[in-house]
């Protein structure tokens, strides 16, 4: 009898010891893995290949920064190529599948969605629109311009409208305010390839014709040079290009009805004082490419991760969106793999 009790006791002790050694928590075992190096808590899966992006010149600095961080710190064997042909030009490459992501400083148009579907893509299931950040359209003038550092929204927009002040569109500063110099205004802006042009022309000007004297350029760096060398110049582009050239340019503070508002990261927002000139900027992901090419999916997840746009937007002159917005995009991408 004693021998049987000792045997039972030893068995119970052994069971307790084995149970104590098994500290695995359900769902955290080594067998639980994810295909994405960004969303996985385990050692990142080494990826290779390329990710091709083109589109908005406004979004370019932010996306290029995200790509650089990704290639340096996450996937050193993946090549992320970021172009800046302009939003419209970018969609022309994205629609036939020449690119994996397409950056845009305005939302995709209905006719572009139709072209995507004609190319065999279902916009609702095959394309993911990501609002990547918020930008403040910024009016810039020469450092030597001491009179036009504050303007009303109507003054800024009306001066760009054809024949609003003069039949030949050779507008003088004094046409806007009589106390300003009787010198001709030299108008500049990005050309029709850019979503910034479309936002300014279609949304802010409500598709009214621009002055015929406006000089529209492809490169934002060219606009910076033109304005910085012309005391009578005025131009419009994204806040990010201004904030990197504050030594050369002055940003016009805009009065939307409650006093002049300087474009800054803490005023740019859809519910903030600079809301009148605030717009979301985007990147569009081809989800078919993401499902077929792990590096495309992985990079898209990095864009909406805590290390992506949320962290880097402010460093590139954009206001980041709430973390919950990026989280919602991550959930959609996680559903792919």
Protein backbone atom coordinates (compact mmCIF):
# COMPACT_ATOMS: atom_id res chain seq x y z
CA UNK A 1 0.00 0.00 0.00
CA UNK A 2 2.78 2.43 0.92
CA UNK A 3 4.59 1.59 -2.31
CA UNK A 4 1.46 2.43 -4.34
CA UNK A 5 1.09 5.82 -2.60
CA UNK A 6 4.72 6.69 -3.32
CA UNK A 7 4.25 5.82 -6.99
CA UNK A 8 1.12 8.00 -7.29
CA UNK A 9 2.89 10.88 -5.54
CA UNK A 10 5.83 10.68 -7.97
CA UNK A 11 3.49 10.71 -10.98
CA UNK A 12 1.61 13.78 -9.68
CA UNK A 13 4.91 15.62 -9.06
CA UNK A 14 6.09 14.83 -12.59
CA UNK A 15 2.86 16.16 -14.13
CA UNK A 16 3.11 19.40 -12.11
CA UNK A 17 6.76 19.88 -13.16
CA UNK A 18 5.95 19.39 -16.84
CA UNK A 19 3.02 21.81 -16.64
CA UNK A 20 5.24 24.44 -15.00
CA UNK A 21 7.81 24.13 -17.80
CA UNK A 22 5.18 24.75 -20.51
CA UNK A 23 4.97 28.59 -20.46
CA UNK A 24 3.81 29.00 -24.06
CA UNK A 25 1.00 31.51 -24.37
CA UNK A 26 -1.67 30.64 -26.95
CA UNK A 27 -1.06 32.50 -30.23
CA UNK A 28 2.57 33.43 -29.44
CA UNK A 29 4.31 30.22 -30.40
CA UNK A 30 7.05 30.09 -32.96
CA UNK A 31 4.63 28.50 -35.41
CA UNK A 32 2.66 31.81 -35.65
CA UNK A 33 4.26 33.86 -38.42
CA UNK A 34 3.26 36.57 -40.84
CA UNK A 35 4.40 37.19 -44.39
CA UNK A 36 5.18 40.84 -43.65
CA UNK A 37 8.42 41.93 -42.05
CA UNK A 38 6.71 45.10 -40.82
CA UNK A 39 3.75 43.55 -39.01
CA UNK A 40 5.66 40.52 -37.67
CA UNK A 41 7.16 40.62 -34.20
CA UNK A 42 9.61 37.87 -35.15
CA UNK A 43 12.79 38.23 -37.17
CA UNK A 44 11.91 39.99 -40.46
CA UNK A 45 11.69 37.79 -43.52
CA UNK A 46 14.42 38.86 -45.95
CA UNK A 47 12.89 40.19 -49.16
CA UNK A 48 14.29 41.32 -52.47
CA UNK A 49 13.08 42.78 -55.75
CA UNK A 50 11.80 46.25 -56.53
CA UNK A 51 8.91 48.56 -55.69
CA UNK A 52 8.08 51.13 -58.38
CA UNK A 53 6.38 54.40 -57.39
CA UNK A 54 5.67 57.55 -59.39
CA UNK A 55 3.33 60.49 -59.24
CA UNK A 56 3.05 63.64 -57.17
CA UNK A 57 6.00 65.97 -56.89
CA UNK A 58 4.44 67.34 -53.71
CA UNK A 59 4.36 63.91 -52.06
CA UNK A 60 7.81 63.02 -53.42
CA UNK A 61 9.95 64.27 -50.49
CA UNK A 62 7.85 62.35 -47.96
CA UNK A 63 7.65 59.13 -49.97
CA UNK A 64 11.36 59.29 -50.84
CA UNK A 65 12.17 59.67 -47.13
CA UNK A 66 9.95 56.69 -46.25
CA UNK A 67 11.62 54.64 -49.00
CA UNK A 68 15.10 55.57 -47.78
CA UNK A 69 14.29 54.56 -44.21
CA UNK A 70 12.76 51.28 -45.39
CA UNK A 71 15.74 50.34 -47.58
CA UNK A 72 18.22 51.32 -44.87
CA UNK A 73 16.57 49.87 -41.79
CA UNK A 74 14.13 47.17 -42.88
CA UNK A 75 14.84 45.52 -46.24
CA UNK A 76 18.29 46.30 -47.58
CA UNK A 77 17.85 44.05 -50.64
CA UNK A 78 14.65 45.73 -51.82
CA UNK A 79 14.95 48.63 -54.25
CA UNK A 80 12.22 51.26 -53.87
CA UNK A 81 12.22 53.66 -56.81
CA UNK A 82 10.27 56.90 -56.28
CA UNK A 83 9.53 59.23 -59.19
CA UNK A 84 7.91 62.67 -59.28
CA UNK A 85 6.30 62.98 -62.71
CA UNK A 86 3.20 64.59 -61.21
CA UNK A 87 -0.13 63.20 -60.03
CA UNK A 88 -1.78 62.97 -63.45
CA UNK A 89 1.34 61.66 -65.14
CA UNK A 90 1.72 59.12 -62.34
CA UNK A 91 -1.79 57.75 -62.86
CA UNK A 92 -1.02 57.30 -66.56
CA UNK A 93 1.71 54.84 -65.51
CA UNK A 94 -0.30 53.27 -62.67
CA UNK A 95 -3.38 52.43 -64.75
CA UNK A 96 -1.60 50.02 -67.14
CA UNK A 97 0.35 48.48 -64.24
CA UNK A 98 3.74 50.09 -64.85
CA UNK A 99 3.97 51.14 -61.19
CA UNK A 100 3.05 49.51 -57.89
CA UNK A 101 2.05 52.66 -56.01
CA UNK A 102 0.97 56.05 -57.34
CA UNK A 103 1.39 59.21 -55.27
CA UNK A 104 -1.12 62.01 -55.74
CA UNK A 105 -1.76 65.43 -54.28
CA UNK A 106 -5.43 65.13 -55.24
CA UNK A 107 -7.93 62.28 -55.23
CA UNK A 108 -8.18 59.96 -58.22
CA UNK A 109 -10.72 61.16 -60.78
CA UNK A 110 -13.79 59.28 -62.00
CA UNK A 111 -12.36 58.96 -65.51
CA UNK A 112 -9.14 57.50 -64.10
CA UNK A 113 -11.16 54.93 -62.16
CA UNK A 114 -12.96 54.05 -65.41
CA UNK A 115 -9.60 53.59 -67.13
CA UNK A 116 -8.44 51.31 -64.32
CA UNK A 117 -11.51 49.15 -64.70
CA UNK A 118 -11.07 49.08 -68.48
CA UNK A 119 -7.57 47.75 -67.78
CA UNK A 120 -9.08 44.86 -65.80
CA UNK A 121 -8.85 46.23 -62.26
CA UNK A 122 -11.79 46.52 -59.87
CA UNK A 123 -11.29 49.80 -58.04
CA UNK A 124 -13.11 48.60 -54.93
CA UNK A 125 -11.12 45.38 -54.52
CA UNK A 126 -7.87 45.81 -56.45
CA UNK A 127 -6.87 49.37 -55.46
CA UNK A 128 -6.32 50.81 -51.99
CA UNK A 129 -6.49 54.58 -51.57
CA UNK A 130 -4.32 55.71 -48.66
CA UNK A 131 -4.56 59.24 -47.30
CA UNK A 132 -0.93 59.63 -46.38
CA UNK A 133 -0.92 63.11 -44.76
CA UNK A 134 -2.28 66.66 -44.95
CA UNK A 135 -0.67 69.47 -46.92
CA UNK A 136 -1.23 73.21 -46.82
CA UNK A 137 -1.13 74.88 -50.23
CA UNK A 138 1.26 77.78 -49.73
CA UNK A 139 1.53 81.09 -51.59
CA UNK A 140 5.14 82.26 -51.69
CA UNK A 141 6.73 85.58 -52.56
CA UNK A 142 10.23 87.01 -52.83
CA UNK A 143 12.06 87.95 -49.63
CA UNK A 144 12.25 91.51 -50.91
CA UNK A 145 8.48 91.79 -51.21
CA UNK A 146 7.56 93.75 -48.08
CA UNK A 147 3.94 94.59 -48.99
CA UNK A 148 2.14 91.31 -49.76
CA UNK A 149 3.09 89.14 -46.78
CA UNK A 150 -0.58 89.12 -45.73
CA UNK A 151 -3.48 88.73 -48.18
CA UNK A 152 -7.09 87.67 -48.01
CA UNK A 153 -8.16 84.40 -49.61
CA UNK A 154 -10.19 86.32 -52.21
CA UNK A 155 -7.25 88.57 -53.10
CA UNK A 156 -4.98 85.57 -53.68
CA UNK A 157 -7.48 83.70 -55.81
CA UNK A 158 -8.86 86.67 -57.77
CA UNK A 159 -5.42 87.83 -58.85
CA UNK A 160 -4.91 84.50 -60.62
CA UNK A 161 -8.27 84.65 -62.47
CA UNK A 162 -8.05 85.74 -66.10
CA UNK A 163 -9.45 89.22 -66.88
CA UNK A 164 -10.47 89.78 -63.26
CA UNK A 165 -8.40 92.94 -63.09
CA UNK A 166 -7.16 93.62 -66.62
CA UNK A 167 -8.18 92.42 -70.08
CA UNK A 168 -4.57 91.59 -70.98
CA UNK A 169 -3.97 89.87 -67.59
CA UNK A 170 -0.96 92.09 -66.92
CA UNK A 171 -2.01 92.60 -63.32
CA UNK A 172 -0.28 95.23 -61.16
CA UNK A 173 0.18 94.89 -57.42
CA UNK A 174 -1.67 98.20 -57.12
CA UNK A 175 -4.70 96.59 -58.81
CA UNK A 176 -5.04 94.38 -55.74
CA UNK A 177 -4.44 97.13 -53.17
CA UNK A 178 -4.00 100.73 -54.21
CA UNK A 179 -1.21 101.27 -51.69
CA UNK A 180 0.93 98.55 -53.26
CA UNK A 181 3.53 99.22 -56.01
CA UNK A 182 2.43 99.86 -59.59
CA UNK A 183 4.56 96.96 -60.75
CA UNK A 184 3.39 93.97 -62.79
CA UNK A 185 2.84 90.75 -60.87
CA UNK A 186 4.73 87.76 -62.24
CA UNK A 187 2.60 84.67 -61.70
CA UNK A 188 4.06 81.18 -61.29
CA UNK A 189 2.86 77.70 -60.41
CA UNK A 190 3.26 73.99 -61.18
CA UNK A 191 2.01 72.77 -64.55
CA UNK A 192 -0.95 70.57 -65.49
CA UNK A 193 0.92 67.33 -64.69
CA UNK A 194 0.65 68.14 -61.00
CA UNK A 195 -2.23 67.56 -58.62
CA UNK A 196 -1.32 70.86 -56.98
CA UNK A 197 -2.23 72.67 -60.20
CA UNK A 198 -5.51 70.77 -60.35
CA UNK A 199 -6.32 71.52 -56.71
CA UNK A 200 -5.64 75.21 -57.25
CA UNK A 201 -7.43 75.46 -60.60
CA UNK A 202 -10.33 73.06 -60.12
CA UNK A 203 -11.06 73.35 -56.39
CA UNK A 204 -9.90 76.81 -55.30
CA UNK A 205 -10.53 78.68 -58.57
CA UNK A 206 -13.58 76.56 -59.39
CA UNK A 207 -12.17 75.91 -62.89
CA UNK A 208 -12.02 79.58 -63.83
CA UNK A 209 -9.34 80.34 -66.40
CA UNK A 210 -6.00 81.43 -65.01
CA UNK A 211 -4.31 84.61 -66.16
CA UNK A 212 -2.64 84.07 -69.51
CA UNK A 213 0.56 85.51 -68.10
CA UNK A 214 1.08 82.67 -65.60
CA UNK A 215 4.32 80.69 -66.02
CA UNK A 216 3.70 77.03 -65.17
CA UNK A 217 6.68 74.78 -64.49
CA UNK A 218 7.28 71.05 -64.15
CA UNK A 219 9.92 71.24 -61.42
CA UNK A 220 9.24 72.76 -58.01
CA UNK A 221 12.92 73.61 -57.65
CA UNK A 222 12.57 75.81 -60.74
CA UNK A 223 9.67 77.65 -59.11
CA UNK A 224 11.75 78.26 -55.99
CA UNK A 225 14.55 79.73 -58.10
CA UNK A 226 12.20 81.92 -60.15
CA UNK A 227 10.48 83.44 -57.12
CA UNK A 228 13.67 83.87 -55.12
CA UNK A 229 15.14 85.95 -57.96
CA UNK A 230 12.08 88.11 -58.75
CA UNK A 231 10.74 90.66 -56.26
CA UNK A 232 7.42 90.81 -58.16
CA UNK A 233 6.86 87.05 -58.27
CA UNK A 234 4.20 84.99 -56.57
CA UNK A 235 3.73 81.22 -56.79
CA UNK A 236 1.80 78.38 -55.18
CA UNK A 237 2.91 74.90 -54.12
CA UNK A 238 2.92 72.52 -51.18
CA UNK A 239 4.05 73.63 -47.73
CA UNK A 240 6.90 71.08 -47.78
CA UNK A 241 8.70 72.92 -50.57
CA UNK A 242 8.36 76.21 -48.72
CA UNK A 243 9.60 74.89 -45.37
CA UNK A 244 12.82 73.66 -46.97
CA UNK A 245 13.40 77.04 -48.62
CA UNK A 246 12.53 79.55 -45.90
CA UNK A 247 15.90 81.23 -46.45
CA UNK A 248 14.83 82.11 -50.01
CA UNK A 249 11.07 82.66 -49.80
CA UNK A 250 8.35 84.25 -47.69
CA UNK A 251 5.04 82.49 -47.14
CA UNK A 252 1.97 84.67 -47.48
CA UNK A 253 -0.31 84.58 -44.44
CA UNK A 254 -3.88 84.09 -45.63
CA UNK A 255 -6.93 85.73 -44.09
CA UNK A 256 -9.84 83.29 -44.41
CA UNK A 257 -12.15 85.66 -42.56
CA UNK A 258 -10.77 85.68 -39.03
CA UNK A 259 -7.40 87.35 -39.51
CA UNK A 260 -4.16 86.33 -41.27
CA UNK A 261 -3.05 82.72 -40.76
CA UNK A 262 0.52 81.64 -41.38
CA UNK A 263 0.86 78.16 -42.90
CA UNK A 264 2.51 75.98 -40.23
CA UNK A 265 2.22 72.39 -39.10
CA UNK A 266 0.04 73.45 -36.19
CA UNK A 267 -2.34 75.47 -38.40
CA UNK A 268 -2.59 73.05 -41.35
CA UNK A 269 -5.56 70.73 -40.87
CA UNK A 270 -9.12 70.15 -42.01
CA UNK A 271 -10.42 71.62 -38.74
CA UNK A 272 -7.59 74.09 -38.06
CA UNK A 273 -7.13 77.78 -38.96
CA UNK A 274 -5.50 77.01 -42.35
CA UNK A 275 -8.32 74.66 -43.36
CA UNK A 276 -9.22 76.79 -46.38
CA UNK A 277 -6.01 75.78 -48.16
CA UNK A 278 -5.56 72.35 -46.55
CA UNK A 279 -5.86 69.18 -48.62
CA UNK A 280 -5.12 65.49 -48.10
CA UNK A 281 -2.40 63.86 -50.16
CA UNK A 282 -2.51 60.23 -51.19
CA UNK A 283 -0.80 57.12 -52.37
CA UNK A 284 -2.66 54.42 -54.27
CA UNK A 285 -1.64 50.76 -53.99
CA UNK A 286 -2.18 48.13 -56.67
CA UNK A 287 -3.37 45.28 -54.43
CA UNK A 288 -2.90 42.69 -57.18
CA UNK A 289 0.77 43.60 -57.28
CA UNK A 290 0.86 43.53 -53.48
CA UNK A 291 -0.59 40.00 -53.44
CA UNK A 292 1.88 38.79 -56.07
CA UNK A 293 5.02 40.59 -54.87
CA UNK A 294 5.78 40.36 -51.12
CA UNK A 295 8.09 43.38 -51.22
CA UNK A 296 5.27 45.61 -52.52
CA UNK A 297 2.93 44.52 -49.72
CA UNK A 298 5.67 44.87 -47.14
CA UNK A 299 6.57 48.39 -48.24
CA UNK A 300 2.91 49.45 -48.30
CA UNK A 301 2.61 48.26 -44.71
CA UNK A 302 5.71 50.23 -43.77
CA UNK A 303 4.16 53.39 -45.23
CA UNK A 304 1.23 53.13 -42.79
CA UNK A 305 3.25 51.77 -39.87
CA UNK A 306 4.38 53.84 -36.88
CA UNK A 307 7.76 54.25 -38.57
CA UNK A 308 6.29 55.47 -41.84
CA UNK A 309 4.10 58.48 -42.61
CA UNK A 310 3.01 58.92 -39.00
CA UNK A 311 6.63 59.52 -37.94
CA UNK A 312 8.07 61.16 -41.05
CA UNK A 313 5.26 63.42 -42.30
CA UNK A 314 6.13 66.32 -40.00
CA UNK A 315 9.81 66.12 -40.93
CA UNK A 316 8.83 66.72 -44.57
CA UNK A 317 6.36 69.56 -44.13
CA UNK A 318 3.14 67.57 -43.84
CA UNK A 319 0.69 67.22 -40.97
CA UNK A 320 0.29 63.52 -40.09
CA UNK A 321 -3.14 61.97 -39.74
CA UNK A 322 -4.32 60.34 -36.49
CA UNK A 323 -2.69 56.97 -35.76
CA UNK A 324 -6.10 55.30 -35.98
CA UNK A 325 -6.33 56.23 -39.67
CA UNK A 326 -3.05 54.50 -40.48
CA UNK A 327 -4.12 51.52 -38.36
CA UNK A 328 -7.23 51.08 -40.49
CA UNK A 329 -5.08 50.87 -43.62
CA UNK A 330 -2.78 48.36 -41.93
CA UNK A 331 -5.77 46.13 -41.19
CA UNK A 332 -6.73 46.14 -44.87
CA UNK A 333 -3.18 45.28 -45.93
CA UNK A 334 -2.91 42.58 -43.26
CA UNK A 335 -5.92 40.88 -44.80
CA UNK A 336 -3.86 40.30 -47.96
CA UNK A 337 -1.01 38.55 -46.18
